[in-house]
Amino acid sequence: MRQFLQAFSWGALALLSAASLAPVHAQSSSGSVTPVQGKSSSAPQEKPKAKRTWTEDDVTGLRKPWDNYEEEKTLAAQQSAAASAKQQSANAASAGGPADQANSSSDPSLPQTTEDAEARIHAKEVEIRQKQEVLDKASQDLASANNDVDREALRTNVEISKADLELKKDDLKQLEARQAELKAKAAAPSASADATPPAQ
């Protein structure tokens, strides 16, 4: 009988524990269903994520130095083309007559006085010396470069520095020509005043 009571108490305990856990299980299973339903009902209300639009700044930030080689090469070609165009226009201006002189004197970017021309020439000479130092440094770095990537980047820098230096030298020639023109204009009125005899 003792065994019967023991088995009966174990069975009753099992039934009671199963019965007490059933509502908890029902609540947890219904609770897990509720959030899913809540999510599905709120999902259509949320705005869809906007796709990222990449800008030129974003792409530029991702580039490595060797990715910029083509751009630098194109830039160097453009600068050398601009330098040759400037040289041709300077040659045409020096070959031209008074009409070209009238155009150059009306150019607001050129100095209008001999003092201004002299100051600009001095500043341009300083700038040319600085550009020459940059070119010399880049040439030395190119000679001591260890790998092909660095060597190619430095070669591009040397080409750009050379083109830039040529542009500065062309500007200096133009300023010197303008200074000579201004000095000639200043000397012309005084020479004509000396040549005119005084009225009697």
Protein backbone atom coordinates (compact mmCIF):
# COMPACT_ATOMS: atom_id res chain seq x y z
CA MET A 1 0.00 0.00 0.00
CA ARG A 2 2.84 2.23 0.73
CA GLN A 3 4.12 1.84 -2.82
CA PHE A 4 0.67 2.59 -4.16
CA LEU A 5 0.46 5.83 -2.18
CA GLN A 6 3.91 6.82 -3.27
CA ALA A 7 3.09 6.19 -6.94
CA PHE A 8 -0.22 8.01 -6.53
CA SER A 9 1.48 11.06 -4.97
CA TRP A 10 4.04 11.18 -7.76
CA GLY A 11 1.32 10.97 -10.38
CA ALA A 12 -0.72 13.67 -8.65
CA LEU A 13 2.33 15.88 -8.41
CA ALA A 14 3.03 15.39 -12.11
CA LEU A 15 -0.56 16.28 -13.02
CA LEU A 16 -0.54 19.36 -10.82
CA SER A 17 2.76 20.62 -12.21
CA ALA A 18 1.61 20.01 -15.79
CA ALA A 19 -1.65 21.79 -15.10
CA SER A 20 0.11 24.75 -13.49
CA LEU A 21 2.56 25.07 -16.39
CA ALA A 22 -0.11 24.94 -19.09
CA PRO A 23 -1.34 28.54 -18.59
CA VAL A 24 2.25 29.85 -18.51
CA HIS A 25 3.01 27.99 -21.72
CA ALA A 26 -0.17 29.36 -23.29
CA GLN A 27 0.72 32.90 -22.25
CA SER A 28 4.29 32.64 -23.55
CA SER A 29 3.18 31.14 -26.84
CA SER A 30 0.44 33.74 -27.27
CA GLY A 31 2.90 36.44 -26.18
CA SER A 32 5.35 35.37 -28.84
CA VAL A 33 2.63 35.49 -31.44
CA THR A 34 1.52 38.99 -30.42
CA PRO A 35 4.84 40.76 -31.13
CA VAL A 36 5.10 39.10 -34.52
CA GLN A 37 1.62 40.29 -35.36
CA GLY A 38 2.50 43.73 -34.02
CA LYS A 39 5.61 43.84 -36.20
CA SER A 40 3.74 42.78 -39.27
CA SER A 41 1.07 45.41 -38.66
CA SER A 42 3.67 48.18 -38.11
CA ALA A 43 5.94 47.13 -40.96
CA PRO A 44 3.85 48.72 -43.72
CA GLN A 45 3.87 52.01 -41.79
CA GLU A 46 7.70 52.21 -41.75
CA LYS A 47 9.35 53.98 -44.65
CA PRO A 48 11.61 51.84 -46.80
CA LYS A 49 15.30 52.54 -46.39
CA ALA A 50 16.65 54.96 -48.96
CA LYS A 51 19.40 53.59 -51.15
CA ARG A 52 22.76 55.21 -50.65
CA THR A 53 23.78 57.57 -53.40
CA TRP A 54 27.52 57.77 -53.90
CA THR A 55 28.91 61.20 -54.64
CA GLU A 56 32.21 62.16 -56.25
CA ASP A 57 33.57 63.05 -52.79
CA ASP A 58 32.79 59.55 -51.50
CA VAL A 59 34.52 57.92 -54.43
CA THR A 60 37.53 60.23 -54.20
CA GLY A 61 37.94 59.30 -50.54
CA LEU A 62 38.17 55.61 -51.48
CA ARG A 63 40.93 56.09 -54.03
CA LYS A 64 44.52 55.09 -53.53
CA PRO A 65 47.46 57.14 -54.89
CA TRP A 66 47.93 54.78 -57.81
CA ASP A 67 44.25 55.24 -58.77
CA ASN A 68 44.90 58.93 -59.38
CA TYR A 69 47.60 58.29 -61.98
CA GLU A 70 45.33 58.73 -64.99
CA GLU A 71 43.86 61.95 -63.60
CA GLU A 72 47.29 63.38 -62.89
CA LYS A 73 48.50 62.37 -66.34
CA THR A 74 45.48 64.09 -67.92
CA LEU A 75 46.05 67.17 -65.77
CA ALA A 76 49.70 67.33 -66.83
CA ALA A 77 48.68 67.05 -70.48
CA GLN A 78 46.14 69.85 -70.04
CA GLN A 79 48.70 72.06 -68.34
CA SER A 80 51.27 71.48 -71.07
CA ALA A 81 48.61 72.22 -73.70
CA ALA A 82 47.72 75.43 -71.87
CA ALA A 83 51.40 76.35 -71.66
CA SER A 84 51.90 75.82 -75.38
CA ALA A 85 48.75 77.84 -76.17
CA LYS A 86 50.01 80.63 -73.93
CA GLN A 87 53.41 80.50 -75.61
CA GLN A 88 51.79 80.75 -79.04
CA SER A 89 49.71 83.73 -77.97
CA ALA A 90 52.82 85.36 -76.49
CA ASN A 91 54.68 84.78 -79.75
CA ALA A 92 51.79 86.25 -81.72
CA ALA A 93 51.70 89.25 -79.37
CA SER A 94 55.42 89.89 -79.74
CA ALA A 95 55.18 89.57 -83.54
CA GLY A 96 52.14 91.87 -83.69
CA GLY A 97 52.15 95.62 -84.13
CA PRO A 98 50.41 98.51 -82.38
CA ALA A 99 47.04 96.74 -82.35
CA ASP A 100 48.48 94.01 -80.13
CA GLN A 101 50.04 96.64 -77.88
CA ALA A 102 46.67 98.33 -77.48
CA ASN A 103 45.10 95.00 -76.50
CA SER A 104 47.83 94.23 -73.98
CA SER A 105 47.60 97.66 -72.37
CA SER A 106 43.85 97.23 -71.91
CA ASP A 107 44.31 93.83 -70.22
CA PRO A 108 43.45 94.42 -66.54
CA SER A 109 45.58 91.48 -65.37
CA LEU A 110 48.73 93.19 -66.61
CA PRO A 111 50.40 95.88 -64.52
CA GLN A 112 49.49 99.47 -65.42
CA THR A 113 52.59 101.16 -63.95
CA THR A 114 56.30 100.42 -64.09
CA GLU A 115 56.43 100.14 -60.28
CA ASP A 116 53.62 97.55 -60.29
CA ALA A 117 55.37 95.66 -63.09
CA GLU A 118 58.63 95.64 -61.16
CA ALA A 119 56.92 94.37 -57.99
CA ARG A 120 55.13 91.62 -59.90
CA ILE A 121 58.32 90.59 -61.67
CA HIS A 122 60.12 90.31 -58.33
CA ALA A 123 57.28 88.22 -56.87
CA LYS A 124 57.21 85.98 -59.96
CA GLU A 125 60.99 85.41 -59.71
CA VAL A 126 60.59 84.30 -56.09
CA GLU A 127 57.75 82.00 -57.14
CA ILE A 128 59.89 80.51 -59.92
CA ARG A 129 62.73 79.83 -57.47
CA GLN A 130 60.30 78.02 -55.16
CA LYS A 131 58.89 75.97 -58.04
CA GLN A 132 62.43 75.07 -59.11
CA GLU A 133 63.21 73.85 -55.58
CA VAL A 134 60.05 71.70 -55.60
CA LEU A 135 61.06 70.26 -58.98
CA ASP A 136 64.60 69.52 -57.76
CA LYS A 137 63.25 67.79 -54.64
CA ALA A 138 60.79 65.71 -56.68
CA SER A 139 63.59 64.72 -59.07
CA GLN A 140 65.79 63.61 -56.16
CA ASP A 141 62.92 61.61 -54.66
CA LEU A 142 62.31 59.99 -58.05
CA ALA A 143 65.95 58.95 -58.27
CA SER A 144 65.80 57.32 -54.83
CA ALA A 145 62.34 55.69 -55.17
CA ASN A 146 62.24 52.04 -54.06
CA ASN A 147 59.20 50.63 -55.83
CA ASP A 148 57.32 51.09 -59.09
CA VAL A 149 54.21 52.64 -57.52
CA ASP A 150 56.19 55.39 -55.78
CA ARG A 151 58.36 55.90 -58.85
CA GLU A 152 55.31 56.35 -61.11
CA ALA A 153 53.66 58.82 -58.71
CA LEU A 154 56.89 60.80 -58.38
CA ARG A 155 57.38 60.82 -62.16
CA THR A 156 53.92 62.34 -62.49
CA ASN A 157 54.78 64.95 -59.85
CA VAL A 158 57.96 65.84 -61.74
CA GLU A 159 56.03 66.28 -65.00
CA ILE A 160 53.42 68.48 -63.30
CA SER A 161 56.15 70.54 -61.61
CA LYS A 162 57.93 71.05 -64.94
CA ALA A 163 54.73 72.19 -66.64
CA ASP A 164 53.95 74.53 -63.76
CA LEU A 165 57.48 75.97 -63.84
CA GLU A 166 57.18 76.62 -67.58
CA LEU A 167 53.89 78.48 -67.01
CA LYS A 168 55.53 80.67 -64.38
CA LYS A 169 58.45 81.44 -66.73
CA ASP A 170 55.99 82.40 -69.47
CA ASP A 171 54.21 84.71 -67.02
CA LEU A 172 57.56 86.28 -66.14
CA LYS A 173 58.36 86.90 -69.82
CA GLN A 174 54.96 88.53 -70.28
CA LEU A 175 55.52 90.78 -67.26
CA GLU A 176 58.98 91.78 -68.49
CA ALA A 177 57.55 92.62 -71.92
CA ARG A 178 54.84 94.72 -70.25
CA GLN A 179 57.46 96.51 -68.14
CA ALA A 180 59.48 97.34 -71.27
CA GLU A 181 56.31 98.61 -72.95
CA LEU A 182 55.47 100.83 -69.96
CA LYS A 183 59.01 102.23 -69.86
CA ALA A 184 58.84 103.00 -73.59
CA LYS A 185 55.50 104.79 -73.13
CA ALA A 186 56.92 106.82 -70.25
CA ALA A 187 59.99 107.76 -72.27
CA ALA A 188 58.00 108.73 -75.41
CA PRO A 189 56.26 111.87 -73.98
CA SER A 190 59.46 113.21 -72.45
CA ALA A 191 61.34 112.65 -75.73
CA SER A 192 58.65 114.45 -77.71
CA ALA A 193 58.69 117.34 -75.21
CA ASP A 194 62.47 117.64 -75.61
CA ALA A 195 62.19 117.56 -79.42
CA THR A 196 59.56 120.32 -79.57
CA PRO A 197 61.24 123.75 -79.66
CA PRO A 198 59.85 126.28 -77.24
CA ALA A 199 57.40 128.79 -78.73
CA GLN A 200 58.77 132.36 -79.19
